[in-house]
N, C-alpha and C. Protein backbone atom coordinates (compact mmCIF):
# COMPACT_ATOMS: atom_id res chain seq x y z
N UNK A 1 6.51 9.83 6.98
CA UNK A 1 6.24 11.20 6.55
C UNK A 1 5.65 11.18 5.15
N UNK A 2 4.62 11.97 4.96
CA UNK A 2 3.98 11.97 3.65
C UNK A 2 4.67 12.95 2.71
N UNK A 3 4.67 12.58 1.44
CA UNK A 3 5.27 13.40 0.41
C UNK A 3 4.22 13.60 -0.68
N UNK A 4 3.63 14.79 -0.70
CA UNK A 4 2.57 15.08 -1.66
C UNK A 4 3.05 16.00 -2.77
N UNK A 5 2.60 15.70 -3.97
CA UNK A 5 2.86 16.57 -5.12
C UNK A 5 1.62 17.43 -5.33
N UNK A 6 1.81 18.61 -5.87
CA UNK A 6 0.69 19.52 -6.10
C UNK A 6 0.48 19.75 -7.59
N UNK A 7 -0.79 19.67 -8.01
CA UNK A 7 -1.17 20.04 -9.37
C UNK A 7 -1.96 21.34 -9.25
N UNK A 8 -1.34 22.45 -9.64
CA UNK A 8 -2.00 23.76 -9.61
C UNK A 8 -2.86 23.87 -10.86
N UNK A 9 -4.15 23.81 -10.67
CA UNK A 9 -5.09 23.79 -11.80
C UNK A 9 -5.29 25.19 -12.36
N UNK A 10 -5.61 25.28 -13.65
CA UNK A 10 -5.77 26.59 -14.30
C UNK A 10 -7.10 27.25 -13.97
N UNK A 11 -7.23 28.51 -14.34
CA UNK A 11 -8.47 29.27 -14.16
C UNK A 11 -9.64 28.54 -14.80
N UNK A 12 -9.44 27.99 -15.96
CA UNK A 12 -10.48 27.26 -16.68
C UNK A 12 -10.06 25.80 -16.79
N UNK A 13 -10.63 24.95 -15.94
CA UNK A 13 -10.28 23.54 -15.89
C UNK A 13 -11.29 22.76 -16.72
N UNK A 14 -10.89 22.45 -17.96
CA UNK A 14 -11.76 21.72 -18.88
C UNK A 14 -10.91 20.80 -19.74
N UNK A 15 -11.50 20.23 -20.77
CA UNK A 15 -10.79 19.27 -21.60
C UNK A 15 -9.53 19.86 -22.25
N UNK A 16 -9.51 21.14 -22.46
CA UNK A 16 -8.34 21.79 -23.05
C UNK A 16 -7.09 21.64 -22.19
N UNK A 17 -7.25 21.28 -20.93
CA UNK A 17 -6.12 21.12 -20.02
C UNK A 17 -5.71 19.65 -19.87
N UNK A 18 -6.37 18.76 -20.61
CA UNK A 18 -6.17 17.33 -20.36
C UNK A 18 -4.74 16.84 -20.59
N UNK A 19 -4.04 17.36 -21.59
CA UNK A 19 -2.67 16.87 -21.84
C UNK A 19 -1.74 17.21 -20.69
N UNK A 20 -1.80 18.44 -20.22
CA UNK A 20 -0.95 18.85 -19.09
C UNK A 20 -1.35 18.11 -17.82
N UNK A 21 -2.65 17.95 -17.60
CA UNK A 21 -3.16 17.23 -16.43
C UNK A 21 -2.66 15.78 -16.47
N UNK A 22 -2.77 15.15 -17.62
CA UNK A 22 -2.32 13.77 -17.80
C UNK A 22 -0.81 13.66 -17.56
N UNK A 23 -0.05 14.61 -18.08
CA UNK A 23 1.40 14.58 -17.91
C UNK A 23 1.78 14.64 -16.43
N UNK A 24 1.17 15.57 -15.71
CA UNK A 24 1.50 15.72 -14.30
C UNK A 24 1.05 14.50 -13.48
N UNK A 25 -0.17 14.04 -13.71
CA UNK A 25 -0.66 12.89 -12.95
C UNK A 25 0.18 11.65 -13.21
N UNK A 26 0.53 11.41 -14.46
CA UNK A 26 1.37 10.25 -14.79
C UNK A 26 2.71 10.35 -14.09
N UNK A 27 3.32 11.52 -14.14
CA UNK A 27 4.63 11.72 -13.50
C UNK A 27 4.55 11.43 -12.00
N UNK A 28 3.52 11.95 -11.33
CA UNK A 28 3.42 11.79 -9.89
C UNK A 28 3.02 10.38 -9.49
N UNK A 29 2.17 9.74 -10.26
CA UNK A 29 1.77 8.37 -9.93
C UNK A 29 2.95 7.42 -10.14
N UNK A 30 3.76 7.67 -11.14
CA UNK A 30 4.91 6.82 -11.42
C UNK A 30 6.08 7.04 -10.45
N UNK A 31 6.07 8.13 -9.72
CA UNK A 31 7.16 8.46 -8.80
C UNK A 31 6.93 7.77 -7.45
N UNK A 32 7.75 6.78 -7.14
CA UNK A 32 7.59 6.01 -5.90
C UNK A 32 7.76 6.86 -4.65
N UNK A 33 8.43 7.98 -4.75
CA UNK A 33 8.66 8.84 -3.58
C UNK A 33 7.43 9.66 -3.21
N UNK A 34 6.46 9.75 -4.11
CA UNK A 34 5.25 10.54 -3.88
C UNK A 34 4.12 9.61 -3.45
N UNK A 35 3.49 9.96 -2.32
CA UNK A 35 2.39 9.11 -1.84
C UNK A 35 1.02 9.76 -1.95
N UNK A 36 0.99 11.00 -2.43
CA UNK A 36 -0.29 11.68 -2.61
C UNK A 36 -0.19 12.82 -3.59
N UNK A 37 -1.33 13.14 -4.19
CA UNK A 37 -1.40 14.24 -5.15
C UNK A 37 -2.51 15.19 -4.70
N UNK A 38 -2.18 16.46 -4.62
CA UNK A 38 -3.13 17.50 -4.21
C UNK A 38 -3.54 18.29 -5.44
N UNK A 39 -4.84 18.29 -5.72
CA UNK A 39 -5.38 19.13 -6.78
C UNK A 39 -5.69 20.48 -6.16
N UNK A 40 -4.93 21.51 -6.53
CA UNK A 40 -5.09 22.85 -5.98
C UNK A 40 -6.06 23.64 -6.86
N UNK A 41 -7.26 23.86 -6.32
CA UNK A 41 -8.32 24.56 -7.04
C UNK A 41 -8.35 26.06 -6.76
N UNK A 42 -7.33 26.60 -6.11
CA UNK A 42 -7.37 27.99 -5.68
C UNK A 42 -7.56 28.99 -6.82
N UNK A 43 -7.14 28.64 -8.04
CA UNK A 43 -7.29 29.55 -9.19
C UNK A 43 -8.50 29.22 -10.06
N UNK A 44 -9.13 28.07 -9.85
CA UNK A 44 -10.18 27.59 -10.75
C UNK A 44 -11.47 28.39 -10.56
N UNK A 45 -11.95 28.97 -11.65
CA UNK A 45 -13.23 29.68 -11.66
C UNK A 45 -14.26 28.94 -12.50
N UNK A 46 -13.79 28.01 -13.34
CA UNK A 46 -14.69 27.25 -14.21
C UNK A 46 -14.17 25.83 -14.34
N UNK A 47 -15.08 24.86 -14.21
CA UNK A 47 -14.75 23.48 -14.54
C UNK A 47 -15.97 22.85 -15.16
N UNK A 48 -15.73 21.85 -16.01
CA UNK A 48 -16.84 21.19 -16.69
C UNK A 48 -16.82 19.69 -16.41
N UNK A 49 -17.75 18.98 -17.03
CA UNK A 49 -17.86 17.54 -16.79
C UNK A 49 -16.62 16.78 -17.26
N UNK A 50 -15.94 17.28 -18.27
CA UNK A 50 -14.70 16.63 -18.72
C UNK A 50 -13.66 16.68 -17.61
N UNK A 51 -13.57 17.80 -16.91
CA UNK A 51 -12.62 17.92 -15.81
C UNK A 51 -12.96 16.94 -14.69
N UNK A 52 -14.25 16.82 -14.38
CA UNK A 52 -14.67 15.87 -13.35
C UNK A 52 -14.33 14.45 -13.76
N UNK A 53 -14.55 14.13 -15.02
CA UNK A 53 -14.22 12.79 -15.53
C UNK A 53 -12.74 12.50 -15.47
N UNK A 54 -11.92 13.49 -15.81
CA UNK A 54 -10.46 13.31 -15.74
C UNK A 54 -10.03 13.06 -14.30
N UNK A 55 -10.61 13.81 -13.38
CA UNK A 55 -10.27 13.62 -11.97
C UNK A 55 -10.61 12.21 -11.51
N UNK A 56 -11.77 11.72 -11.88
CA UNK A 56 -12.19 10.38 -11.47
C UNK A 56 -11.30 9.31 -12.09
N UNK A 57 -10.97 9.46 -13.35
CA UNK A 57 -10.11 8.49 -14.02
C UNK A 57 -8.75 8.41 -13.31
N UNK A 58 -8.16 9.56 -13.02
CA UNK A 58 -6.85 9.57 -12.38
C UNK A 58 -6.92 9.14 -10.93
N UNK A 59 -8.05 9.36 -10.28
CA UNK A 59 -8.20 8.90 -8.91
C UNK A 59 -8.16 7.37 -8.88
N UNK A 60 -8.82 6.73 -9.83
CA UNK A 60 -8.79 5.26 -9.90
C UNK A 60 -7.37 4.76 -10.14
N UNK A 61 -6.65 5.43 -11.02
CA UNK A 61 -5.26 5.03 -11.29
C UNK A 61 -4.38 5.24 -10.07
N UNK A 62 -4.60 6.33 -9.37
CA UNK A 62 -3.82 6.60 -8.16
C UNK A 62 -4.12 5.56 -7.09
N UNK A 63 -5.38 5.22 -6.91
CA UNK A 63 -5.75 4.21 -5.92
C UNK A 63 -5.09 2.87 -6.24
N UNK A 64 -5.03 2.52 -7.51
CA UNK A 64 -4.39 1.27 -7.91
C UNK A 64 -2.90 1.29 -7.59
N UNK A 65 -2.32 2.48 -7.54
CA UNK A 65 -0.90 2.65 -7.21
C UNK A 65 -0.70 2.97 -5.73
N UNK A 66 -1.77 2.82 -4.93
CA UNK A 66 -1.73 3.12 -3.49
C UNK A 66 -1.33 4.55 -3.17
N UNK A 67 -1.86 5.48 -3.97
CA UNK A 67 -1.61 6.90 -3.73
C UNK A 67 -2.94 7.59 -3.45
N UNK A 68 -2.88 8.58 -2.61
CA UNK A 68 -4.07 9.33 -2.22
C UNK A 68 -4.18 10.59 -3.07
N UNK A 69 -5.41 10.96 -3.43
CA UNK A 69 -5.63 12.21 -4.15
C UNK A 69 -6.51 13.11 -3.29
N UNK A 70 -6.15 14.38 -3.24
CA UNK A 70 -6.83 15.33 -2.38
C UNK A 70 -7.20 16.60 -3.15
N UNK A 71 -8.19 17.30 -2.61
CA UNK A 71 -8.63 18.58 -3.19
C UNK A 71 -8.37 19.67 -2.17
N UNK A 72 -7.84 20.78 -2.67
CA UNK A 72 -7.53 21.92 -1.81
C UNK A 72 -7.96 23.21 -2.51
N UNK A 73 -8.50 24.15 -1.75
CA UNK A 73 -8.71 25.50 -2.23
C UNK A 73 -9.93 25.75 -3.10
N UNK A 74 -10.86 24.79 -3.20
CA UNK A 74 -12.06 25.03 -4.01
C UNK A 74 -12.96 26.04 -3.31
N UNK A 75 -13.50 26.98 -4.10
CA UNK A 75 -14.37 28.01 -3.51
C UNK A 75 -15.44 28.41 -4.51
N UNK A 76 -16.47 29.05 -4.01
CA UNK A 76 -17.52 29.58 -4.86
C UNK A 76 -18.22 28.54 -5.70
N UNK A 77 -18.46 28.88 -6.96
CA UNK A 77 -19.18 27.99 -7.89
C UNK A 77 -18.41 26.69 -8.09
N UNK A 78 -17.09 26.76 -8.07
CA UNK A 78 -16.27 25.55 -8.24
C UNK A 78 -16.54 24.58 -7.10
N UNK A 79 -16.56 25.07 -5.88
CA UNK A 79 -16.84 24.22 -4.72
C UNK A 79 -18.25 23.63 -4.81
N UNK A 80 -19.20 24.42 -5.30
CA UNK A 80 -20.57 23.93 -5.45
C UNK A 80 -20.65 22.81 -6.48
N UNK A 81 -19.96 22.96 -7.58
CA UNK A 81 -19.96 21.91 -8.62
C UNK A 81 -19.33 20.63 -8.08
N UNK A 82 -18.23 20.75 -7.37
CA UNK A 82 -17.59 19.58 -6.79
C UNK A 82 -18.52 18.90 -5.78
N UNK A 83 -19.24 19.70 -4.99
CA UNK A 83 -20.17 19.14 -4.01
C UNK A 83 -21.34 18.44 -4.70
N UNK A 84 -21.87 19.04 -5.77
CA UNK A 84 -22.98 18.41 -6.50
C UNK A 84 -22.54 17.09 -7.13
N UNK A 85 -21.28 16.98 -7.48
CA UNK A 85 -20.75 15.76 -8.07
C UNK A 85 -20.30 14.76 -6.99
N UNK A 86 -20.55 15.10 -5.72
CA UNK A 86 -20.18 14.23 -4.59
C UNK A 86 -18.70 13.91 -4.53
N UNK A 87 -17.86 14.82 -4.95
CA UNK A 87 -16.43 14.59 -4.94
C UNK A 87 -15.88 14.42 -3.53
N UNK A 88 -16.58 14.96 -2.53
CA UNK A 88 -16.12 14.80 -1.15
C UNK A 88 -16.19 13.34 -0.68
N UNK A 89 -16.93 12.51 -1.38
CA UNK A 89 -16.99 11.09 -1.04
C UNK A 89 -15.83 10.32 -1.65
N UNK A 90 -15.17 10.91 -2.62
CA UNK A 90 -14.10 10.23 -3.35
C UNK A 90 -12.73 10.80 -2.99
N UNK A 91 -12.66 12.10 -2.83
CA UNK A 91 -11.39 12.78 -2.55
C UNK A 91 -11.42 13.34 -1.13
N UNK A 92 -10.25 13.32 -0.51
CA UNK A 92 -10.12 13.99 0.79
C UNK A 92 -9.95 15.48 0.52
N UNK A 93 -10.63 16.30 1.32
CA UNK A 93 -10.46 17.75 1.23
C UNK A 93 -9.48 18.18 2.30
N UNK A 94 -8.49 18.97 1.90
CA UNK A 94 -7.50 19.45 2.87
C UNK A 94 -7.49 20.97 2.88
């Protein structure tokens, strides 16, 4: 049975959120009971290249820990930005 943790991202997902993002990702990657992390984009209306970079960095760390990272709830301009960055090739969409 899979046990996924959820990171509910803020309305504005940019470098200003990096400390909280890092805290949550570290906690979930270090937790042996969690096998996947879901980035919930349902509230995100803005994201920048720093956010994309943070996602990629943590995806590499999660992969090294044999954990899966997924994207959920992206819509509108946010979904378009993720698609332009080819995130669907790196993250599973649920």
